[in-house]
Protein backbone atom coordinates (compact mmCIF):
# COMPACT_ATOMS: atom_id res chain seq x y z
CA MET A 1 122.05 59.36 42.93
CA THR A 2 120.56 62.18 40.90
CA SER A 3 117.19 62.05 39.01
CA SER A 4 119.26 61.57 35.64
CA GLU A 5 121.34 58.70 37.24
CA SER A 6 117.97 56.97 38.69
CA ALA A 7 116.53 57.19 35.47
CA ALA A 8 119.33 55.67 33.14
CA GLU A 9 118.67 52.52 35.92
CA LEU A 10 115.16 52.21 35.06
CA PRO A 11 113.71 49.76 32.84
CA GLU A 12 111.97 50.39 29.56
CA GLY A 13 108.26 51.60 30.66
CA VAL A 14 109.08 52.50 34.02
CA SER A 15 108.70 56.17 34.58
CA PRO A 16 110.46 57.98 38.06
CA MET A 17 108.51 60.37 39.92
CA PRO A 18 110.26 62.73 42.00
CA ASN A 19 110.34 62.73 46.10
CA ARG A 20 108.18 65.74 46.95
CA ARG A 21 106.93 67.19 50.46
CA VAL A 22 103.58 67.98 51.21
CA ASP A 23 103.14 69.57 54.84
CA ASP A 24 104.50 66.82 56.75
CA MET A 25 104.11 63.96 54.26
CA VAL A 26 106.69 63.26 52.22
CA LEU A 27 105.76 61.34 49.09
CA HIS A 28 108.47 58.87 47.66
CA ASP A 29 109.37 57.84 44.24
CA THR A 30 107.09 55.84 42.25
CA GLU A 31 107.60 53.04 39.62
CA ILE A 32 104.58 52.99 37.02
CA VAL A 33 105.27 49.75 34.65
CA GLU A 34 103.58 50.30 31.47
CA ASP A 35 104.55 47.31 29.62
CA ASP A 36 103.74 43.73 29.67
CA GLY A 37 107.35 42.19 29.10
CA PRO A 38 109.03 39.73 30.85
CA LEU A 39 109.64 39.94 35.08
CA ARG A 40 112.86 41.56 36.10
CA PRO A 41 114.58 39.34 38.21
CA ASP A 42 113.37 41.49 41.65
CA GLU A 43 109.29 41.35 40.71
CA VAL A 44 106.50 39.17 41.29
CA GLU A 45 103.09 39.02 39.92
CA LEU A 46 100.59 38.57 42.22
CA PRO A 47 96.98 37.15 41.46
CA CYS A 48 94.49 39.07 40.56
CA PHE A 49 90.58 38.47 40.86
CA ARG A 50 89.25 41.31 38.98
CA GLU A 51 85.65 39.66 39.05
CA VAL A 52 86.18 39.27 42.77
CA GLU A 53 84.96 42.80 44.32
CA PHE A 54 85.47 43.22 47.94
CA SER A 55 82.79 45.79 49.09
CA ALA A 56 83.51 49.03 50.82
CA GLY A 57 80.31 49.71 51.27
CA ASP A 58 77.01 46.80 51.27
CA GLY A 59 79.14 44.01 49.89
CA ARG A 60 78.83 41.33 46.86
CA THR A 61 77.76 37.79 47.42
CA GLN A 62 79.17 36.39 43.70
CA VAL A 63 82.50 35.67 44.14
CA ILE A 64 84.10 34.71 40.46
CA GLU A 65 87.83 34.02 39.65
CA ASN A 66 89.38 35.41 36.92
CA HIS A 67 92.24 33.05 36.30
CA GLY A 68 95.30 34.56 34.63
CA ASN A 69 94.98 38.33 35.56
CA SER A 70 98.16 39.49 37.98
CA VAL A 71 99.80 42.66 39.10
CA ARG A 72 103.54 43.36 39.53
CA PHE A 73 104.92 44.12 42.50
CA SER A 74 108.51 44.75 43.50
CA LEU A 75 109.84 42.15 45.93
CA PRO A 76 111.40 44.67 48.11
CA ARG A 77 108.29 46.70 48.22
CA LEU A 78 106.59 43.60 49.61
CA ALA A 79 109.19 42.90 51.82
CA ARG A 80 109.02 46.43 53.38
CA ALA A 81 105.03 45.66 53.89
CA GLY A 82 106.20 42.45 55.68
CA VAL A 83 104.15 40.28 52.88
CA GLN A 84 105.52 36.85 51.60
CA PRO A 85 104.60 36.93 47.92
CA GLN A 86 102.42 33.92 48.23
CA ASN A 87 100.52 35.12 50.57
CA GLY A 88 99.33 38.30 48.23
CA ALA A 89 96.49 38.74 46.28
CA CYS A 90 95.02 41.27 44.76
CA ALA A 91 91.29 42.79 43.79
CA THR A 92 89.17 45.73 43.38
CA ALA A 93 87.12 47.53 46.33
CA SER A 94 83.60 48.44 45.77
CA GLY A 95 81.39 51.03 47.17
CA SER A 96 82.22 53.90 49.26
CA SER A 97 82.42 53.23 53.18
CA MET A 98 86.21 53.53 52.94
CA GLU A 99 86.28 57.02 51.22
CA PRO A 100 88.11 58.80 50.93
CA THR A 101 91.20 56.45 51.93
CA ILE A 102 89.89 53.97 49.29
CA ALA A 103 87.58 55.05 46.62
CA ASP A 104 85.26 53.00 44.91
CA GLY A 105 86.57 50.87 42.04
CA SER A 106 90.38 51.27 43.56
CA PRO A 107 93.05 48.31 43.33
CA ILE A 108 93.87 46.69 46.29
CA ALA A 109 96.61 44.44 48.15
CA ILE A 110 95.44 41.79 50.40
CA ASP A 111 98.21 39.97 52.43
CA LYS A 112 96.40 36.72 53.08
CA GLY A 113 99.13 35.61 55.95
CA CYS A 114 98.01 38.53 57.92
CA ARG A 115 94.96 37.35 59.71
CA HIS A 116 95.14 39.01 63.37
CA VAL A 117 94.01 42.29 64.32
CA ILE A 118 96.55 45.09 64.30
CA ASP A 119 93.93 48.18 65.73
CA GLY A 120 93.24 50.78 62.84
CA LYS A 121 94.43 48.30 60.00
CA ILE A 122 92.34 48.09 57.21
CA TYR A 123 91.47 44.27 56.29
CA ALA A 124 89.16 42.10 53.90
CA LEU A 125 86.52 40.39 55.16
CA ASP A 126 84.04 37.62 54.47
CA HIS A 127 80.82 38.58 56.30
CA GLY A 128 78.29 36.16 55.97
CA GLY A 129 79.16 35.81 52.17
CA MET A 130 79.79 39.63 51.94
CA LEU A 131 83.12 40.50 51.02
CA ARG A 132 83.97 43.89 52.66
CA VAL A 133 86.69 46.24 53.40
CA LYS A 134 86.96 48.00 57.05
CA ARG A 135 89.39 49.04 60.03
CA LEU A 136 89.05 46.67 62.72
CA TYR A 137 89.82 47.45 66.32
CA LYS A 138 90.09 44.60 69.03
CA LEU A 139 87.61 44.59 71.64
CA PRO A 140 87.22 42.17 74.85
CA LEU A 141 85.97 38.87 75.01
CA GLY A 142 86.49 37.98 71.11
CA LYS A 143 84.72 40.61 69.51
CA VAL A 144 85.56 43.43 67.10
CA ARG A 145 85.29 46.93 66.09
CA LEU A 146 84.39 47.33 61.99
CA VAL A 147 85.18 50.98 61.13
CA SER A 148 84.44 52.39 57.79
CA ASP A 149 86.20 55.77 56.97
CA ASN A 150 82.85 57.12 55.96
CA ALA A 151 81.11 57.06 59.20
CA ASP A 152 78.38 59.61 58.13
CA GLU A 153 77.13 57.27 55.63
CA TYR A 154 77.98 53.91 57.27
CA PRO A 155 77.92 53.69 61.26
CA GLU A 156 80.61 51.51 63.19
CA GLU A 157 79.85 48.04 63.75
CA ILE A 158 80.59 45.27 66.63
CA CYS A 159 80.88 41.79 65.71
CA SER A 160 82.13 38.48 67.64
CA LEU A 161 84.99 36.81 65.92
CA MET A 162 83.60 33.90 67.18
CA GLY A 163 80.26 31.46 65.97
CA GLU A 164 79.30 30.75 62.61
CA ASP A 165 78.19 34.48 61.86
CA ALA A 166 81.68 35.77 62.79
CA PRO A 167 83.02 38.14 59.70
CA ARG A 168 86.05 35.55 58.50
CA ILE A 169 89.45 37.89 58.19
CA ILE A 170 90.98 37.22 54.86
CA GLY A 171 93.83 39.29 55.50
CA ARG A 172 95.44 43.21 55.89
CA VAL A 173 95.12 45.14 52.77
CA PHE A 174 98.58 46.54 52.68
CA TRP A 175 97.92 48.48 49.45
CA TRP A 176 95.57 50.44 47.43
CA GLU A 177 95.91 53.34 44.83
CA VAL A 178 93.40 55.94 44.18
CA PHE A 179 93.21 57.83 41.18
CA ASP A 180 91.94 61.63 41.10
């Protein structure tokens, strides 16, 4: 299929982006939806909590749901990420601990159905009232390493996953967007 053929199939408000190769990384086609039209049959809206800021830094203690806001995701994109639509939710990362991967203010999407630790993956956590975003790594005896990508400013932490002071895994962060 050519670029002009794929552009002809895209709905109004969706811009095609070509595949590009950067060193050994391939950047794939991206759909940017810029309208508020009706959902397509292959789309779903995930709830978006704009006032809920999951910290990629020191954390927030106030959690306020903003009902009615949502972000569109294609069902194939969710399927490729292994996310059931009912388990998806969106929020905004806050702080610089996950930079350069996830910048302050970046939108993130969370799979609330994935609470088991997969080494090196990024998770949203409720840690003593602080909502945080960290890479997790399993350790023996029910412990976990919390790792920030900005390790110069945010040193690694080791926490137990048991007990009342343990961080609660909200879900795996499966998508984020960073604008330059």
